[in-house]
Protein backbone atom coordinates (compact mmCIF):
# COMPACT_ATOMS: atom_id res chain seq x y z
CA MET A 1 10.57 -3.07 1.90
CA GLY A 2 12.47 -5.96 1.48
CA ILE A 3 14.05 -8.44 3.98
CA SER A 4 13.36 -9.17 7.59
CA ALA A 5 15.41 -6.38 9.12
CA TYR A 6 13.06 -3.87 7.42
CA SER A 7 9.83 -4.96 8.48
CA ARG A 8 8.47 -3.11 11.84
CA ALA A 9 4.24 -3.83 11.39
CA ARG A 10 3.22 -5.19 15.01
CA SER A 11 0.18 -6.96 14.65
CA TYR A 12 -0.88 -5.49 18.37
CA PRO A 13 -2.32 -2.10 17.80
CA ASN A 14 -2.28 0.14 20.12
CA MET A 15 -5.70 1.82 21.42
CA LYS A 16 -4.80 4.94 19.63
CA THR A 17 -4.38 3.03 16.62
CA VAL A 18 -7.52 1.74 17.15
CA GLY A 19 -9.07 4.24 17.31
CA GLU A 20 -7.69 5.80 14.81
CA LEU A 21 -8.10 3.28 12.03
CA SER A 22 -12.19 3.07 12.98
CA LEU A 23 -11.81 7.20 12.59
CA LEU A 24 -9.68 6.26 9.12
CA VAL A 25 -12.85 4.39 7.71
CA CYS A 26 -15.20 6.32 8.86
CA LEU A 27 -13.14 9.42 6.51
CA ILE A 28 -12.94 7.09 4.33
CA ILE A 29 -16.77 6.01 3.25
CA VAL A 30 -17.72 9.76 4.24
CA CYS A 31 -15.61 11.19 1.31
CA PHE A 32 -16.06 8.36 -0.86
CA ASN A 33 -20.11 8.83 -0.32
CA GLY A 34 -20.71 5.35 -0.23
CA ARG A 35 -23.84 4.06 -1.20
CA GLY A 36 -24.44 0.19 -1.50
CA TRP A 37 -23.90 -1.81 -4.96
CA SER A 38 -26.62 -1.94 -7.64
CA GLN A 39 -28.50 -5.08 -6.95
CA ARG A 40 -28.38 -6.67 -10.23
CA LEU A 41 -24.22 -7.17 -9.90
CA PRO A 42 -23.20 -10.04 -8.45
CA ARG A 43 -22.79 -9.85 -4.43
CA PRO A 44 -18.48 -10.38 -3.40
CA GLN A 45 -20.22 -12.07 -0.18
CA PRO A 46 -23.51 -13.26 1.08
CA GLN A 47 -23.40 -10.11 4.53
CA GLN A 48 -22.67 -6.62 3.53
CA SER A 49 -19.52 -4.65 3.89
CA GLN A 50 -19.30 -1.06 3.91
CA VAL A 51 -18.05 -1.16 0.28
CA PRO A 52 -17.87 -4.13 -2.71
CA CYS A 53 -14.40 -4.62 -3.13
CA PHE A 54 -11.28 -3.43 -1.98
CA PHE A 55 -7.98 -3.66 -4.48
CA ILE A 56 -4.05 -3.33 -2.82
CA PHE A 57 -1.10 -2.25 -4.17
CA GLY A 58 2.13 -1.95 -2.58
CA ASP A 59 5.71 -3.80 -1.15
CA SER A 60 6.39 -5.52 2.39
CA LEU A 61 3.97 -3.44 3.92
CA VAL A 62 0.96 -4.82 2.83
CA ASP A 63 2.07 -8.03 0.82
CA ASN A 64 0.36 -11.07 1.86
CA GLY A 65 2.17 -13.54 0.05
CA ASN A 66 2.40 -13.03 -3.85
CA ASN A 67 6.42 -13.15 -3.47
CA ASN A 68 6.35 -16.58 -1.75
CA GLY A 69 6.65 -18.09 -5.51
CA MET A 70 9.66 -15.75 -6.60
CA LEU A 71 13.26 -15.98 -6.40
CA THR A 72 13.92 -13.11 -3.60
CA LEU A 73 15.42 -12.10 -0.37
CA ALA A 74 11.74 -9.79 -0.08
CA ARG A 75 9.81 -12.71 1.38
CA ALA A 76 8.53 -13.46 4.43
CA ASN A 77 6.77 -17.56 4.21
CA TYR A 78 8.51 -18.48 7.46
CA ARG A 79 8.60 -18.28 11.18
CA PRO A 80 8.56 -16.32 12.85
CA TYR A 81 6.94 -13.99 10.36
CA GLY A 82 3.56 -15.08 10.91
CA ILE A 83 3.27 -16.25 14.38
CA ASP A 84 0.54 -14.53 15.86
CA PHE A 85 -1.38 -14.91 12.81
CA PRO A 86 -3.86 -16.96 12.88
CA GLN A 87 -3.82 -18.71 9.39
CA GLY A 88 0.29 -18.93 10.71
CA THR A 89 3.15 -17.97 8.26
CA THR A 90 1.76 -16.60 5.00
CA GLY A 91 4.06 -14.21 3.57
CA ARG A 92 3.06 -11.48 5.44
CA PHE A 93 6.20 -9.43 6.48
CA THR A 94 4.78 -8.94 10.11
CA ASN A 95 3.74 -11.31 12.78
CA GLY A 96 0.16 -10.65 12.94
CA ARG A 97 -2.02 -8.43 10.68
CA THR A 98 -1.08 -6.36 7.94
CA PHE A 99 -2.88 -2.57 8.15
CA VAL A 100 -4.73 -3.12 5.48
CA ASP A 101 -5.87 -6.40 7.00
CA ALA A 102 -7.38 -4.14 9.47
CA LEU A 103 -8.76 -1.87 7.74
CA ALA A 104 -10.75 -4.83 5.36
CA GLN A 105 -11.80 -5.60 8.52
CA LEU A 106 -13.12 -2.07 9.48
CA MET A 107 -15.14 -2.08 6.70
CA GLY A 108 -16.67 -5.14 7.43
CA PHE A 109 -14.76 -7.99 5.32
CA THR A 110 -14.60 -11.16 7.22
CA ARG A 111 -11.96 -12.90 5.08
CA TYR A 112 -8.88 -11.34 4.01
CA ILE A 113 -8.73 -10.22 0.80
CA PRO A 114 -6.64 -12.64 -1.47
CA PRO A 115 -3.23 -11.89 -3.02
CA TYR A 116 -3.22 -11.77 -6.13
CA SER A 117 -0.86 -15.62 -6.93
CA ARG A 118 -3.33 -17.14 -5.70
CA ALA A 119 -6.77 -15.14 -6.60
CA ARG A 120 -9.38 -16.57 -8.56
CA GLY A 121 -12.92 -17.33 -10.19
CA PRO A 122 -15.84 -14.69 -7.98
CA GLU A 123 -13.37 -13.93 -5.51
CA LEU A 124 -11.96 -11.35 -7.55
CA LEU A 125 -14.96 -9.53 -6.36
CA ARG A 126 -14.15 -8.93 -3.03
CA GLY A 127 -11.01 -7.36 -4.33
CA VAL A 128 -7.66 -8.92 -4.79
CA ASN A 129 -3.99 -8.11 -2.41
CA TYR A 130 -1.36 -7.23 -5.78
CA ALA A 131 1.19 -5.63 -2.78
CA SER A 132 4.67 -6.76 -3.52
CA GLY A 133 7.54 -6.66 -1.23
CA ALA A 134 10.32 -4.81 -1.72
CA ALA A 135 8.51 -2.78 -4.78
CA GLY A 136 8.11 0.66 -5.66
CA ILE A 137 7.37 3.05 -8.80
CA ARG A 138 10.01 2.51 -10.32
CA ASP A 139 10.71 -0.70 -12.25
CA GLU A 140 14.70 -1.24 -11.65
CA THR A 141 13.65 -0.90 -7.43
CA GLY A 142 14.56 -3.30 -5.24
CA ASP A 143 16.18 -5.56 -8.33
CA ASN A 144 19.25 -6.02 -5.18
CA LEU A 145 17.14 -8.20 -2.89
CA GLY A 146 15.52 -10.28 -6.72
CA ALA A 147 12.09 -11.04 -7.60
CA HIS A 148 9.04 -8.75 -7.27
CA SER A 149 6.77 -6.42 -9.26
CA SER A 150 7.19 -2.99 -9.48
CA MET A 151 3.57 -0.54 -9.65
CA ASN A 152 3.89 -1.43 -13.52
CA GLY A 153 3.80 -4.52 -12.37
CA GLN A 154 0.78 -4.54 -9.70
CA VAL A 155 -1.21 -1.92 -12.53
CA ALA A 156 -1.02 -4.71 -15.22
CA ASN A 157 -2.37 -7.38 -12.76
CA PHE A 158 -5.00 -5.27 -12.43
CA ALA A 159 -5.68 -4.67 -15.42
CA ASN A 160 -5.67 -9.06 -16.64
CA THR A 161 -7.85 -9.11 -13.28
CA VAL A 162 -10.78 -6.17 -14.78
CA MET A 163 -10.66 -8.86 -18.05
CA GLN A 164 -10.78 -11.68 -15.71
CA MET A 165 -13.77 -10.39 -14.01
CA ARG A 166 -15.73 -9.35 -17.53
CA ARG A 167 -16.45 -13.17 -17.48
CA LEU A 168 -17.95 -12.70 -13.87
CA PHE A 169 -20.10 -10.14 -15.85
CA ARG A 170 -20.81 -11.81 -18.95
CA GLY A 171 -19.30 -9.22 -21.06
CA ASP A 172 -21.17 -6.34 -19.68
CA THR A 173 -18.87 -3.38 -19.81
CA ASN A 174 -20.73 -1.14 -18.30
CA ALA A 175 -22.18 -3.04 -15.57
CA LEU A 176 -18.49 -3.65 -14.46
CA SER A 177 -17.21 -0.42 -14.90
CA SER A 178 -20.28 0.90 -12.03
CA TYR A 179 -18.67 -1.64 -9.83
CA LEU A 180 -15.74 -0.88 -10.02
CA ASN A 181 -16.27 2.89 -9.57
CA THR A 182 -17.65 1.62 -6.26
CA CYS A 183 -14.56 -0.79 -4.84
CA ILE A 184 -11.68 1.50 -3.07
CA TYR A 185 -8.01 1.16 -3.74
CA TYR A 186 -5.05 1.34 -1.70
CA CYS A 187 -2.25 2.84 -2.84
CA GLY A 188 0.86 3.04 -0.96
CA LEU A 189 4.25 2.89 -2.24
CA GLY A 190 7.69 4.46 -2.26
CA SER A 191 8.90 3.80 0.04
CA ASN A 192 11.44 1.20 -1.81
CA ASP A 193 12.53 3.73 -4.12
CA TYR A 194 14.82 5.31 -1.84
CA LEU A 195 15.82 2.62 0.44
CA ASN A 196 16.33 0.42 -2.02
CA ASN A 197 17.30 3.04 -4.72
CA TYR A 198 18.06 6.04 -4.64
CA PHE A 199 20.34 6.56 -1.04
CA MET A 200 21.72 2.86 -1.82
CA PRO A 201 24.63 4.25 -4.62
CA ASN A 202 26.41 1.09 -4.66
CA PHE A 203 23.62 -0.16 -6.80
CA TYR A 204 21.93 2.30 -8.30
CA THR A 205 22.94 5.62 -9.93
CA THR A 206 20.17 7.37 -9.31
CA SER A 207 21.62 9.21 -6.56
CA SER A 208 23.89 10.72 -9.22
CA ASP A 209 21.65 10.82 -11.65
CA PHE A 210 18.74 12.81 -9.61
CA SER A 211 18.84 15.85 -7.18
CA THR A 212 16.57 14.97 -4.00
CA LYS A 213 14.19 17.11 -5.95
CA ALA A 214 14.79 15.91 -9.33
CA TYR A 215 13.77 12.53 -7.94
CA ALA A 216 11.26 13.49 -6.23
CA ASP A 217 9.27 15.15 -9.30
CA ALA A 218 10.44 11.68 -10.95
CA LEU A 219 9.10 9.75 -9.06
CA ILE A 220 5.83 12.16 -8.73
CA GLN A 221 5.66 12.17 -12.96
CA ASP A 222 6.20 7.98 -12.81
CA TYR A 223 3.17 7.42 -9.82
CA THR A 224 1.10 9.62 -12.02
CA ARG A 225 1.04 7.88 -14.89
CA GLN A 226 0.28 4.93 -13.12
CA LEU A 227 -2.67 6.33 -10.77
CA THR A 228 -4.07 7.65 -14.27
CA GLN A 229 -3.92 3.65 -15.85
CA LEU A 230 -6.01 2.55 -12.78
CA HIS A 231 -8.64 5.56 -13.09
CA SER A 232 -8.69 4.23 -16.87
CA LEU A 233 -9.29 1.01 -15.54
CA GLY A 234 -11.96 2.19 -13.17
CA ALA A 235 -10.61 3.20 -10.02
CA ARG A 236 -12.69 6.02 -8.57
CA LYS A 237 -12.24 5.91 -4.59
CA VAL A 238 -8.64 5.51 -3.63
CA ILE A 239 -6.40 6.29 -0.55
CA VAL A 240 -2.80 7.33 -1.21
CA THR A 241 -0.64 7.04 1.38
CA ALA A 242 2.27 9.15 1.70
CA VAL A 243 5.87 7.86 2.62
CA GLY A 244 6.97 7.03 6.44
CA PRO A 245 10.02 8.25 8.25
CA ILE A 246 11.80 5.70 7.09
CA GLY A 247 15.38 7.06 7.85
CA CYS A 248 14.18 6.35 11.22
CA ILE A 249 13.43 2.87 11.40
CA PRO A 250 15.71 -0.70 12.77
CA TYR A 251 17.41 -0.87 9.41
CA GLN A 252 18.92 2.72 9.19
CA LEU A 253 19.85 3.22 12.42
CA ALA A 254 21.85 0.45 12.57
CA ARG A 255 23.57 2.02 9.25
CA TYR A 256 24.09 5.17 9.78
CA HIS A 257 26.61 6.81 12.37
CA GLY A 258 25.21 10.47 12.19
CA ASN A 259 25.12 13.96 14.60
CA SER A 260 22.54 13.31 17.69
CA SER A 261 19.69 12.43 15.79
CA ARG A 262 18.99 9.02 16.06
CA CYS A 263 17.43 9.11 12.83
CA ASN A 264 19.07 9.69 9.25
CA GLU A 265 17.97 12.69 8.41
CA ASN A 266 18.98 12.99 5.16
CA ILE A 267 16.51 10.29 3.96
CA ASN A 268 13.50 11.88 6.26
CA LYS A 269 14.44 15.61 4.37
CA ALA A 270 14.51 13.58 1.31
CA ILE A 271 10.67 11.70 1.76
CA LEU A 272 9.61 15.26 2.73
CA LEU A 273 9.75 16.29 -0.83
CA PHE A 274 8.27 13.65 -1.82
CA ASN A 275 4.76 13.15 0.61
CA SER A 276 5.03 17.34 0.15
CA GLU A 277 4.46 16.36 -3.93
CA LEU A 278 2.91 13.57 -3.49
CA ARG A 279 -0.16 15.20 -1.64
CA LYS A 280 -0.27 18.03 -4.53
CA LEU A 281 -1.39 15.50 -7.28
CA VAL A 282 -3.79 14.54 -4.82
CA ASP A 283 -5.52 17.89 -4.88
CA ARG A 284 -4.80 18.13 -8.92
CA PHE A 285 -6.88 14.95 -9.09
CA ASN A 286 -9.73 15.83 -6.39
CA GLY A 287 -9.70 19.02 -8.89
CA GLY A 288 -10.51 17.54 -11.98
CA GLN A 289 -7.37 16.41 -13.36
CA LEU A 290 -9.67 12.47 -13.32
CA GLN A 291 -13.08 12.73 -14.05
CA GLY A 292 -15.16 11.40 -11.11
CA ALA A 293 -12.24 10.42 -9.33
CA LYS A 294 -11.92 10.70 -5.22
CA PHE A 295 -8.78 10.65 -3.36
CA VAL A 296 -7.67 10.94 0.37
CA TYR A 297 -3.83 11.22 0.99
CA LEU A 298 -2.64 9.22 3.64
CA ASP A 299 -0.29 10.69 5.77
CA SER A 300 1.66 8.05 7.46
CA TYR A 301 4.47 10.59 8.15
CA LYS A 302 2.45 12.31 10.75
CA SER A 303 1.38 9.34 12.26
CA SER A 304 4.02 7.49 12.61
CA ASN A 305 6.36 10.37 13.57
CA ASP A 306 3.93 10.40 16.27
CA LEU A 307 4.77 7.01 17.25
CA TYR A 308 8.09 7.68 16.86
CA GLN A 309 8.71 10.90 19.02
CA ASN A 310 5.94 10.28 21.61
CA GLY A 311 6.79 6.35 22.52
CA THR A 312 6.52 6.30 25.77
CA ALA A 313 2.94 7.91 25.41
CA TYR A 314 1.92 4.37 24.70
CA VAL A 315 3.95 2.51 27.13
CA ASP A 316 0.72 1.90 29.90
CA MET A 317 -1.48 0.72 26.39
CA PHE A 318 0.72 -2.07 26.45
CA ALA A 319 0.97 -2.65 30.31
């Protein structure tokens, strides 16, 4: 996502959200059959987390400061962002922690995964966050907001990280490959390819170039290549998130004047086409298309829609 009007994460997860996050971590570890890393590999931190490292790819929902030095409207290094975060304003598009901050904590990491823009040296062994506000699967997505790092750019940055890590493993590529195979990778993109591309016809031509089905197929084709590149660089245990019901976010509600529905269902229907194809892609990867890969499909559309549709059920949890 891009500017402040799009930000919708909060740092106060309710009890059900915390429980779901905890369950998600357990399911991820079981699904990935996570085991301890080899004793001959360098440890990322003194204490033992459930996995040695965590690499993050995405947009503003998980960006933790990579856009701070860029010429862009998609920046969050100013108040009120960070007002409830221990380190203050960091570039996170929220008042406090992001989803992956909480996820990393539940996996046993006691320090936040650093942004690529400042990750250096042995710190790389814990993982890196490459996410960039306004980023999408397509390179041109988000250009209306300014500079950013698309998924192609984030994959290239990960390749650069792998090269740097080779020095930490003294050139032992087999040991490095084994280490990277034990890490968890989070990939959450696609929202901006609709909000800051397809459904912005005054800036982009994609809505006239593609039907919603053809556009979803084109995105999946690009995403397949990008995820395959991550696999070739060592990623084996990958969380892939669906796109949420972005037709219901405040920015869209402020723009949309439709029927009795509170949401822009044209956007949500397009998102469901993408999510359906994304789930099929995950099934293909797990079915042997990518050797040794274990992908988890995180249905954030369903969970977000539940929160939206049944919001009153959560009121008591904040009382």
